[in-house]
C-alpha atoms as a PDB file:
ATOM      1  CA  UNK A   1       8.944   6.498  -3.324  1.00  0.00           C
ATOM      2  CA  UNK A   2      10.442   3.967  -0.914  1.00  0.00           C
ATOM      3  CA  UNK A   3      13.779   2.508  -0.019  1.00  0.00           C
ATOM      4  CA  UNK A   4      14.876  -1.124  -0.047  1.00  0.00           C
ATOM      5  CA  UNK A   5      16.682  -0.605   3.269  1.00  0.00           C
ATOM      6  CA  UNK A   6      13.797   0.999   5.195  1.00  0.00           C
ATOM      7  CA  UNK A   7      10.917  -1.457   5.746  1.00  0.00           C
ATOM      8  CA  UNK A   8       8.368   1.234   6.590  1.00  0.00           C
ATOM      9  CA  UNK A   9       5.487   1.271   9.053  1.00  0.00           C
ATOM     10  CA  UNK A  10       4.181  -2.191  10.034  1.00  0.00           C
ATOM     11  CA  UNK A  11       1.126  -3.345   8.088  1.00  0.00           C
ATOM     12  CA  UNK A  12      -0.857  -3.748  11.337  1.00  0.00           C
ATOM     13  CA  UNK A  13      -0.826   0.041  11.788  1.00  0.00           C
ATOM     14  CA  UNK A  14      -2.972   0.534   8.689  1.00  0.00           C
ATOM     15  CA  UNK A  15      -5.847  -1.521  10.105  1.00  0.00           C
ATOM     16  CA  UNK A  16      -6.969   1.479  12.146  1.00  0.00           C
ATOM     17  CA  UNK A  17      -7.161   3.582   8.978  1.00  0.00           C
ATOM     18  CA  UNK A  18      -9.006   1.030   6.839  1.00  0.00           C
ATOM     19  CA  UNK A  19      -6.113   1.253   4.370  1.00  0.00           C
ATOM     20  CA  UNK A  20      -4.855  -1.318   1.902  1.00  0.00           C
ATOM     21  CA  UNK A  21      -1.566  -1.730   0.060  1.00  0.00           C
ATOM     22  CA  UNK A  22      -0.890   0.174  -3.168  1.00  0.00           C
ATOM     23  CA  UNK A  23       1.486  -1.701  -5.488  1.00  0.00           C
ATOM     24  CA  UNK A  24       3.333   0.467  -8.044  1.00  0.00           C
ATOM     25  CA  UNK A  25       5.237  -0.863 -11.046  1.00  0.00           C
ATOM     26  CA  UNK A  26       8.364   1.271 -11.364  1.00  0.00           C
ATOM     27  CA  UNK A  27       8.690   0.455 -15.073  1.00  0.00           C
ATOM     28  CA  UNK A  28       5.301   1.628 -16.362  1.00  0.00           C
ATOM     29  CA  UNK A  29       3.888   3.398 -13.247  1.00  0.00           C
ATOM     30  CA  UNK A  30       0.739   1.265 -13.282  1.00  0.00           C
ATOM     31  CA  UNK A  31      -0.649   0.600  -9.840  1.00  0.00           C
ATOM     32  CA  UNK A  32      -3.305  -1.414  -8.113  1.00  0.00           C
ATOM     33  CA  UNK A  33      -4.715  -1.453  -4.616  1.00  0.00           C
ATOM     34  CA  UNK A  34      -4.797  -4.644  -2.589  1.00  0.00           C
ATOM     35  CA  UNK A  35      -6.863  -5.281   0.529  1.00  0.00           C
ATOM     36  CA  UNK A  36      -4.687  -5.318   3.656  1.00  0.00           C
ATOM     37  CA  UNK A  37      -5.806  -8.556   5.311  1.00  0.00           C
ATOM     38  CA  UNK A  38      -5.287 -10.778   2.235  1.00  0.00           C
ATOM     39  CA  UNK A  39      -1.775  -9.297   1.849  1.00  0.00           C
ATOM     40  CA  UNK A  40      -0.974 -10.176   5.475  1.00  0.00           C
ATOM     41  CA  UNK A  41      -2.462 -13.665   5.090  1.00  0.00           C
ATOM     42  CA  UNK A  42      -0.456 -14.290   1.912  1.00  0.00           C
ATOM     43  CA  UNK A  43       2.787 -13.217   3.626  1.00  0.00           C
ATOM     44  CA  UNK A  44       2.010 -15.605   6.494  1.00  0.00           C
ATOM     45  CA  UNK A  45       1.098 -18.462   4.136  1.00  0.00           C
ATOM     46  CA  UNK A  46       4.366 -18.041   2.263  1.00  0.00           C
ATOM     47  CA  UNK A  47       6.287 -17.868   5.569  1.00  0.00           C
ATOM     48  CA  UNK A  48       7.925 -14.571   4.644  1.00  0.00           C
ATOM     49  CA  UNK A  49       6.149 -12.042   6.833  1.00  0.00           C
ATOM     50  CA  UNK A  50       3.115 -11.032   8.850  1.00  0.00           C
ATOM     51  CA  UNK A  51       1.367  -7.921  10.203  1.00  0.00           C
ATOM     52  CA  UNK A  52       4.729  -6.692  11.553  1.00  0.00           C
ATOM     53  CA  UNK A  53       6.159  -6.502   8.019  1.00  0.00           C
ATOM     54  CA  UNK A  54       6.783  -2.931   6.908  1.00  0.00           C
ATOM     55  CA  UNK A  55       4.616  -1.520   4.132  1.00  0.00           C
ATOM     56  CA  UNK A  56       7.654  -0.693   1.960  1.00  0.00           C
ATOM     57  CA  UNK A  57       9.153  -4.167   2.461  1.00  0.00           C
ATOM     58  CA  UNK A  58       6.089  -5.794   0.848  1.00  0.00           C
ATOM     59  CA  UNK A  59       7.354  -4.732  -2.592  1.00  0.00           C
ATOM     60  CA  UNK A  60      10.320  -7.076  -2.213  1.00  0.00           C
ATOM     61  CA  UNK A  61       8.001 -10.063  -1.890  1.00  0.00           C
ATOM     62  CA  UNK A  62       6.093  -9.566  -5.159  1.00  0.00           C
ATOM     63  CA  UNK A  63       6.633 -12.743  -7.164  1.00  0.00           C
ATOM     64  CA  UNK A  64       4.683 -12.024 -10.357  1.00  0.00           C
ATOM     65  CA  UNK A  65       5.564  -9.551 -13.113  1.00  0.00           C
ATOM     66  CA  UNK A  66       3.464  -6.474 -13.825  1.00  0.00           C
ATOM     67  CA  UNK A  67       0.454  -7.553 -15.918  1.00  0.00           C
ATOM     68  CA  UNK A  68       0.694  -4.371 -17.986  1.00  0.00           C
ATOM     69  CA  UNK A  69       4.389  -4.282 -18.973  1.00  0.00           C
ATOM     70  CA  UNK A  70       6.007  -7.418 -17.557  1.00  0.00           C
ATOM     71  CA  UNK A  71       8.210  -5.365 -15.240  1.00  0.00           C
ATOM     72  CA  UNK A  72       9.538  -6.750 -11.991  1.00  0.00           C
ATOM     73  CA  UNK A  73      10.441  -3.583 -10.073  1.00  0.00           C
ATOM     74  CA  UNK A  74       7.826  -2.528  -7.541  1.00  0.00           C
ATOM     75  CA  UNK A  75       7.253  -0.181  -4.636  1.00  0.00           C
ATOM     76  CA  UNK A  76       4.444  -0.274  -2.116  1.00  0.00           C
ATOM     77  CA  UNK A  77       2.687   2.361  -0.047  1.00  0.00           C
ATOM     78  CA  UNK A  78      -0.547   2.654   1.931  1.00  0.00           C
ATOM     79  CA  UNK A  79      -3.777   2.906  -0.050  1.00  0.00           C
ATOM     80  CA  UNK A  80      -6.024   5.033   2.119  1.00  0.00           C
ATOM     81  CA  UNK A  81      -9.769   4.923   1.415  1.00  0.00           C
ATOM     82  CA  UNK A  82     -11.405   7.863  -0.307  1.00  0.00           C
ATOM     83  CA  UNK A  83     -13.548  10.084   1.870  1.00  0.00           C
ATOM     84  CA  UNK A  84     -17.118  10.690   0.788  1.00  0.00           C
ATOM     85  CA  UNK A  85     -17.678  14.068  -0.825  1.00  0.00           C
ATOM     86  CA  UNK A  86     -18.148  16.743   1.808  1.00  0.00           C
ATOM     87  CA  UNK A  87     -16.030  15.027   4.454  1.00  0.00           C
ATOM     88  CA  UNK A  88     -12.451  15.821   5.312  1.00  0.00           C
ATOM     89  CA  UNK A  89     -10.964  19.273   4.856  1.00  0.00           C
ATOM     90  CA  UNK A  90     -13.421  22.087   5.243  1.00  0.00           C
ATOM     91  CA  UNK A  91     -13.163  25.825   5.002  1.00  0.00           C
ATOM     92  CA  UNK A  92     -15.086  27.700   7.668  1.00  0.00           C
ATOM     93  CA  UNK A  93     -17.705  30.171   6.510  1.00  0.00           C
ATOM     94  CA  UNK A  94     -16.314  33.689   6.352  1.00  0.00           C
ATOM     95  CA  UNK A  95     -18.342  36.691   7.442  1.00  0.00           C
ATOM     96  CA  UNK A  96     -19.656  38.804   4.590  1.00  0.00           C
END
């Protein structure tokens, strides 16, 4: 997963992909996906970041413990939307 010294790609980049933020608890490996815009708005409201904040850096701003285990060690990554069945990777038809 991520590094505390590398902030990652700015959150604004993920707007074009329709992605959110995936928050992982490093103690129990539970995770949850958060919508991107509310994450950016919360960073701005708290005065600690904005859309230029790196995706990996968001983990350092989590102020509540994990609801599953009470842990306080987190990592964050992009949460890309699922593609509808039949879209995405395809295998071309092969001649018989």
